Amino acid sequence: MKEEGTKKFSPEAREVWEALNEKTRKAIQKDNPFRKDRDRAIRNLGRQGVKFHVLAEITGMSRNGIFLIIHRGEASGADIPEGVNQRLKVLQSAFEAFFNAVLKILSVPKRR
């Protein structure tokens, strides 16, 4: 992992780096073996407005890698807690059942 003293950061990256606590600094590094935690921390920083090139600089990753982490995570709902996902699935099933019932009602010929 690159530490503050061994890497020269741009002024913008230095400002972000200094604002991070040690836990987040370690979490966002390219060599973090806990990839989901790393990606979640990077997405959180991206949501807070940290630019891709700054994230790339302080993590040791490429800008493209940062882009993929942020956008794939958003598309997949990666940061949604498991309990919420389960509730959403139940809700989705209920809506599907309701929709199918409405379609069934609408497809019944009317009596005159």
N, C-alpha and C. Protein backbone atom coordinates (compact mmCIF):
# COMPACT_ATOMS: atom_id res chain seq x y z
N MET A 1 0.84 -1.18 0.00
CA MET A 1 0.00 0.00 0.00
C MET A 1 0.89 1.24 0.00
N LYS A 2 0.49 2.22 -0.73
CA LYS A 2 1.25 3.47 -0.81
C LYS A 2 0.88 4.34 0.39
N GLU A 3 1.86 4.75 1.09
CA GLU A 3 1.63 5.63 2.24
C GLU A 3 1.89 7.07 1.83
N GLU A 4 1.40 7.96 2.62
CA GLU A 4 1.47 9.38 2.33
C GLU A 4 2.91 9.83 2.07
N GLY A 5 3.87 9.34 2.82
CA GLY A 5 5.24 9.78 2.69
C GLY A 5 5.97 9.21 1.49
N THR A 6 5.50 8.12 0.90
CA THR A 6 6.21 7.48 -0.19
C THR A 6 5.66 7.84 -1.56
N LYS A 7 4.59 8.57 -1.62
CA LYS A 7 3.97 8.92 -2.91
C LYS A 7 3.70 10.40 -2.96
N LYS A 8 4.03 10.99 -4.09
CA LYS A 8 3.74 12.41 -4.30
C LYS A 8 2.35 12.52 -4.90
N PHE A 9 1.47 13.20 -4.21
CA PHE A 9 0.11 13.41 -4.69
C PHE A 9 -0.01 14.81 -5.28
N SER A 10 -0.97 14.94 -6.19
CA SER A 10 -1.33 16.28 -6.67
C SER A 10 -1.98 17.01 -5.49
N PRO A 11 -2.06 18.33 -5.56
CA PRO A 11 -2.68 19.07 -4.44
C PRO A 11 -4.11 18.59 -4.15
N GLU A 12 -4.87 18.33 -5.20
CA GLU A 12 -6.26 17.88 -5.01
C GLU A 12 -6.31 16.51 -4.32
N ALA A 13 -5.44 15.60 -4.76
CA ALA A 13 -5.39 14.26 -4.16
C ALA A 13 -4.88 14.33 -2.72
N ARG A 14 -3.88 15.18 -2.48
CA ARG A 14 -3.33 15.33 -1.12
C ARG A 14 -4.43 15.80 -0.17
N GLU A 15 -5.26 16.74 -0.61
CA GLU A 15 -6.34 17.25 0.23
C GLU A 15 -7.32 16.13 0.61
N VAL A 16 -7.68 15.32 -0.37
CA VAL A 16 -8.60 14.20 -0.10
C VAL A 16 -7.92 13.19 0.82
N TRP A 17 -6.67 12.84 0.52
CA TRP A 17 -5.93 11.84 1.31
C TRP A 17 -5.86 12.27 2.77
N GLU A 18 -5.56 13.53 3.01
CA GLU A 18 -5.43 14.02 4.38
C GLU A 18 -6.77 14.05 5.11
N ALA A 19 -7.86 14.14 4.37
CA ALA A 19 -9.19 14.17 5.00
C ALA A 19 -9.67 12.76 5.39
N LEU A 20 -9.04 11.73 4.84
CA LEU A 20 -9.47 10.35 5.12
C LEU A 20 -8.86 9.85 6.41
N ASN A 21 -9.63 9.00 7.11
CA ASN A 21 -9.05 8.35 8.28
C ASN A 21 -8.23 7.14 7.83
N GLU A 22 -7.44 6.61 8.71
CA GLU A 22 -6.53 5.51 8.38
C GLU A 22 -7.27 4.27 7.87
N LYS A 23 -8.42 3.98 8.45
CA LYS A 23 -9.20 2.81 8.03
C LYS A 23 -9.63 2.95 6.56
N THR A 24 -10.11 4.12 6.18
CA THR A 24 -10.54 4.35 4.80
C THR A 24 -9.34 4.34 3.87
N ARG A 25 -8.22 4.91 4.30
CA ARG A 25 -7.01 4.90 3.46
C ARG A 25 -6.61 3.47 3.12
N LYS A 26 -6.65 2.60 4.11
CA LYS A 26 -6.28 1.20 3.87
C LYS A 26 -7.33 0.50 3.01
N ALA A 27 -8.59 0.81 3.26
CA ALA A 27 -9.68 0.12 2.56
C ALA A 27 -9.67 0.38 1.06
N ILE A 28 -9.30 1.60 0.64
CA ILE A 28 -9.42 1.96 -0.77
C ILE A 28 -8.22 1.55 -1.62
N GLN A 29 -7.20 1.01 -1.02
CA GLN A 29 -5.99 0.69 -1.77
C GLN A 29 -6.20 -0.48 -2.73
N LYS A 30 -5.54 -0.40 -3.87
CA LYS A 30 -5.62 -1.41 -4.92
C LYS A 30 -5.31 -2.81 -4.40
N ASP A 31 -4.36 -2.91 -3.50
CA ASP A 31 -3.93 -4.23 -3.00
C ASP A 31 -4.75 -4.75 -1.81
N ASN A 32 -5.86 -4.09 -1.50
CA ASN A 32 -6.73 -4.57 -0.41
C ASN A 32 -7.35 -5.90 -0.83
N PRO A 33 -7.12 -6.97 -0.06
CA PRO A 33 -7.67 -8.28 -0.44
C PRO A 33 -9.19 -8.37 -0.26
N PHE A 34 -9.79 -7.44 0.47
CA PHE A 34 -11.22 -7.44 0.70
C PHE A 34 -11.87 -6.52 -0.33
N ARG A 35 -12.06 -7.07 -1.52
CA ARG A 35 -12.48 -6.28 -2.68
C ARG A 35 -13.83 -5.59 -2.49
N LYS A 36 -14.80 -6.29 -1.91
CA LYS A 36 -16.12 -5.67 -1.72
C LYS A 36 -16.04 -4.46 -0.80
N ASP A 37 -15.25 -4.57 0.26
CA ASP A 37 -15.08 -3.44 1.17
C ASP A 37 -14.38 -2.28 0.46
N ARG A 38 -13.34 -2.62 -0.33
CA ARG A 38 -12.62 -1.59 -1.08
C ARG A 38 -13.56 -0.87 -2.05
N ASP A 39 -14.31 -1.65 -2.81
CA ASP A 39 -15.21 -1.06 -3.81
C ASP A 39 -16.29 -0.22 -3.15
N ARG A 40 -16.82 -0.67 -2.02
CA ARG A 40 -17.84 0.10 -1.31
C ARG A 40 -17.28 1.44 -0.84
N ALA A 41 -16.05 1.42 -0.31
CA ALA A 41 -15.41 2.66 0.15
C ALA A 41 -15.16 3.61 -1.02
N ILE A 42 -14.75 3.07 -2.16
CA ILE A 42 -14.51 3.90 -3.35
C ILE A 42 -15.82 4.50 -3.85
N ARG A 43 -16.89 3.69 -3.88
CA ARG A 43 -18.19 4.22 -4.31
C ARG A 43 -18.67 5.32 -3.36
N ASN A 44 -18.46 5.15 -2.07
CA ASN A 44 -18.86 6.18 -1.11
C ASN A 44 -18.12 7.49 -1.36
N LEU A 45 -16.84 7.40 -1.64
CA LEU A 45 -16.07 8.62 -1.94
C LEU A 45 -16.55 9.25 -3.24
N GLY A 46 -16.85 8.43 -4.22
CA GLY A 46 -17.38 8.94 -5.49
C GLY A 46 -18.70 9.66 -5.29
N ARG A 47 -19.57 9.10 -4.43
CA ARG A 47 -20.85 9.75 -4.14
C ARG A 47 -20.67 11.08 -3.43
N GLN A 48 -19.57 11.20 -2.70
CA GLN A 48 -19.30 12.44 -1.98
C GLN A 48 -18.65 13.49 -2.89
N GLY A 49 -18.44 13.13 -4.15
CA GLY A 49 -17.95 14.11 -5.12
C GLY A 49 -16.47 14.03 -5.43
N VAL A 50 -15.76 13.02 -4.91
CA VAL A 50 -14.34 12.89 -5.24
C VAL A 50 -14.24 12.45 -6.70
N LYS A 51 -13.44 13.16 -7.48
CA LYS A 51 -13.32 12.91 -8.92
C LYS A 51 -12.58 11.60 -9.20
N PHE A 52 -12.90 11.01 -10.35
CA PHE A 52 -12.29 9.73 -10.74
C PHE A 52 -10.77 9.79 -10.75
N HIS A 53 -10.21 10.86 -11.31
CA HIS A 53 -8.75 10.93 -11.41
C HIS A 53 -8.10 11.03 -10.03
N VAL A 54 -8.77 11.65 -9.08
CA VAL A 54 -8.25 11.74 -7.72
C VAL A 54 -8.34 10.37 -7.05
N LEU A 55 -9.47 9.70 -7.23
CA LEU A 55 -9.61 8.35 -6.67
C LEU A 55 -8.55 7.42 -7.26
N ALA A 56 -8.31 7.55 -8.55
CA ALA A 56 -7.29 6.71 -9.19
C ALA A 56 -5.92 6.98 -8.57
N GLU A 57 -5.62 8.23 -8.34
CA GLU A 57 -4.32 8.61 -7.80
C GLU A 57 -4.12 8.08 -6.37
N ILE A 58 -5.13 8.22 -5.53
CA ILE A 58 -4.94 7.82 -4.13
C ILE A 58 -5.11 6.32 -3.90
N THR A 59 -5.76 5.63 -4.84
CA THR A 59 -5.94 4.18 -4.68
C THR A 59 -4.86 3.37 -5.37
N GLY A 60 -4.20 3.98 -6.36
CA GLY A 60 -3.22 3.24 -7.15
C GLY A 60 -3.87 2.47 -8.28
N MET A 61 -5.13 2.75 -8.55
CA MET A 61 -5.86 2.08 -9.62
C MET A 61 -5.95 3.00 -10.83
N SER A 62 -6.38 2.44 -11.96
CA SER A 62 -6.57 3.26 -13.16
C SER A 62 -7.91 4.00 -13.07
N ARG A 63 -8.04 5.06 -13.86
CA ARG A 63 -9.33 5.77 -13.92
C ARG A 63 -10.42 4.86 -14.43
N ASN A 64 -10.08 4.02 -15.40
CA ASN A 64 -11.07 3.09 -15.93
C ASN A 64 -11.53 2.11 -14.84
N GLY A 65 -10.60 1.64 -14.04
CA GLY A 65 -10.95 0.74 -12.93
C GLY A 65 -11.90 1.41 -11.95
N ILE A 66 -11.63 2.67 -11.63
CA ILE A 66 -12.50 3.43 -10.73
C ILE A 66 -13.88 3.59 -11.36
N PHE A 67 -13.91 3.95 -12.64
CA PHE A 67 -15.18 4.12 -13.36
C PHE A 67 -16.01 2.84 -13.27
N LEU A 68 -15.37 1.69 -13.52
CA LEU A 68 -16.10 0.42 -13.49
C LEU A 68 -16.62 0.10 -12.10
N ILE A 69 -15.81 0.33 -11.08
CA ILE A 69 -16.25 0.07 -9.70
C ILE A 69 -17.48 0.90 -9.38
N ILE A 70 -17.44 2.17 -9.71
CA ILE A 70 -18.55 3.06 -9.36
C ILE A 70 -19.79 2.72 -10.17
N HIS A 71 -19.65 2.57 -11.47
CA HIS A 71 -20.83 2.38 -12.30
C HIS A 71 -21.38 0.96 -12.26
N ARG A 72 -20.55 -0.04 -12.16
CA ARG A 72 -21.07 -1.40 -12.02
C ARG A 72 -21.75 -1.57 -10.67
N GLY A 73 -21.18 -0.96 -9.65
CA GLY A 73 -21.79 -1.04 -8.32
C GLY A 73 -23.15 -0.37 -8.27
N GLU A 74 -23.27 0.78 -8.91
CA GLU A 74 -24.55 1.48 -8.93
C GLU A 74 -25.60 0.67 -9.68
N ALA A 75 -25.19 0.08 -10.81
CA ALA A 75 -26.14 -0.68 -11.64
C ALA A 75 -26.60 -1.95 -10.95
N SER A 76 -25.71 -2.55 -10.15
CA SER A 76 -26.07 -3.82 -9.53
C SER A 76 -26.73 -3.64 -8.17
N GLY A 77 -26.72 -2.42 -7.65
CA GLY A 77 -27.27 -2.20 -6.30
C GLY A 77 -26.38 -2.82 -5.24
N ALA A 78 -25.08 -2.83 -5.49
CA ALA A 78 -24.12 -3.53 -4.62
C ALA A 78 -24.13 -3.03 -3.18
N ASP A 79 -24.47 -1.78 -2.96
CA ASP A 79 -24.42 -1.24 -1.60
C ASP A 79 -25.76 -1.30 -0.87
N ILE A 80 -26.74 -1.95 -1.47
CA ILE A 80 -28.03 -2.09 -0.80
C ILE A 80 -27.93 -3.22 0.22
N PRO A 81 -28.28 -2.96 1.47
CA PRO A 81 -28.20 -4.01 2.48
C PRO A 81 -29.06 -5.22 2.12
N GLU A 82 -28.63 -6.40 2.54
CA GLU A 82 -29.30 -7.65 2.17
C GLU A 82 -30.77 -7.65 2.58
N GLY A 83 -31.11 -7.17 3.75
CA GLY A 83 -32.50 -7.15 4.19
C GLY A 83 -33.39 -6.34 3.25
N VAL A 84 -32.84 -5.26 2.73
CA VAL A 84 -33.60 -4.43 1.80
C VAL A 84 -33.83 -5.20 0.50
N ASN A 85 -32.79 -5.87 0.02
CA ASN A 85 -32.94 -6.67 -1.21
C ASN A 85 -34.03 -7.73 -1.05
N GLN A 86 -34.07 -8.38 0.10
CA GLN A 86 -35.10 -9.41 0.33
C GLN A 86 -36.49 -8.79 0.33
N ARG A 87 -36.64 -7.64 0.96
CA ARG A 87 -37.94 -6.96 0.98
C ARG A 87 -38.34 -6.52 -0.42
N LEU A 88 -37.38 -6.06 -1.20
CA LEU A 88 -37.67 -5.65 -2.57
C LEU A 88 -38.14 -6.84 -3.42
N LYS A 89 -37.56 -8.00 -3.19
CA LYS A 89 -37.97 -9.19 -3.93
C LYS A 89 -39.41 -9.58 -3.57
N VAL A 90 -39.76 -9.48 -2.30
CA VAL A 90 -41.13 -9.77 -1.88
C VAL A 90 -42.09 -8.78 -2.51
N LEU A 91 -41.72 -7.51 -2.49
CA LEU A 91 -42.54 -6.47 -3.09
C LEU A 91 -42.69 -6.69 -4.60
N GLN A 92 -41.61 -7.06 -5.25
CA GLN A 92 -41.66 -7.33 -6.68
C GLN A 92 -42.61 -8.48 -6.98
N SER A 93 -42.56 -9.54 -6.18
CA SER A 93 -43.46 -10.67 -6.37
C SER A 93 -44.92 -10.25 -6.19
N ALA A 94 -45.17 -9.41 -5.19
CA ALA A 94 -46.53 -8.94 -4.95
C ALA A 94 -47.03 -8.10 -6.13
N PHE A 95 -46.19 -7.22 -6.66
CA PHE A 95 -46.58 -6.43 -7.83
C PHE A 95 -46.84 -7.30 -9.05
N GLU A 96 -46.00 -8.32 -9.24
CA GLU A 96 -46.21 -9.22 -10.38
C GLU A 96 -47.55 -9.95 -10.25
N ALA A 97 -47.87 -10.41 -9.03
CA ALA A 97 -49.14 -11.10 -8.82
C ALA A 97 -50.31 -10.14 -9.08
N PHE A 98 -50.20 -8.92 -8.58
CA PHE A 98 -51.23 -7.92 -8.80
C PHE A 98 -51.40 -7.62 -10.29
N PHE A 99 -50.30 -7.42 -10.98
CA PHE A 99 -50.32 -7.13 -12.41
C PHE A 99 -50.97 -8.28 -13.18
N ASN A 100 -50.59 -9.50 -12.85
CA ASN A 100 -51.18 -10.67 -13.52
C ASN A 100 -52.68 -10.77 -13.27
N ALA A 101 -53.11 -10.44 -12.05
CA ALA A 101 -54.54 -10.46 -11.72
C ALA A 101 -55.29 -9.40 -12.52
N VAL A 102 -54.71 -8.22 -12.65
CA VAL A 102 -55.34 -7.16 -13.44
C VAL A 102 -55.44 -7.59 -14.90
N LEU A 103 -54.37 -8.17 -15.43
CA LEU A 103 -54.42 -8.64 -16.82
C LEU A 103 -55.50 -9.70 -17.02
N LYS A 104 -55.63 -10.57 -16.03
CA LYS A 104 -56.65 -11.62 -16.11
C LYS A 104 -58.05 -11.01 -16.12
N ILE A 105 -58.27 -10.02 -15.26
CA ILE A 105 -59.56 -9.34 -15.20
C ILE A 105 -59.85 -8.63 -16.51
N LEU A 106 -58.86 -7.97 -17.06
CA LEU A 106 -59.05 -7.22 -18.30
C LEU A 106 -59.27 -8.14 -19.51
N SER A 107 -58.79 -9.35 -19.43
CA SER A 107 -58.91 -10.24 -20.58
C SER A 107 -60.21 -11.05 -20.57
N VAL A 108 -61.00 -10.96 -19.49
CA VAL A 108 -62.29 -11.66 -19.42
C VAL A 108 -63.29 -10.89 -20.29
N PRO A 109 -63.97 -11.60 -21.22
CA PRO A 109 -64.97 -10.89 -22.05
C PRO A 109 -66.10 -10.36 -21.19
N LYS A 110 -66.58 -9.19 -21.53
CA LYS A 110 -67.68 -8.58 -20.78
C LYS A 110 -69.00 -9.19 -21.23
N ARG A 111 -69.90 -9.37 -20.25
CA ARG A 111 -71.25 -9.87 -20.56
C ARG A 111 -72.14 -8.70 -20.92
N ARG A 112 -73.04 -8.92 -21.85
CA ARG A 112 -73.95 -7.84 -22.25
C ARG A 112 -75.33 -8.06 -21.76
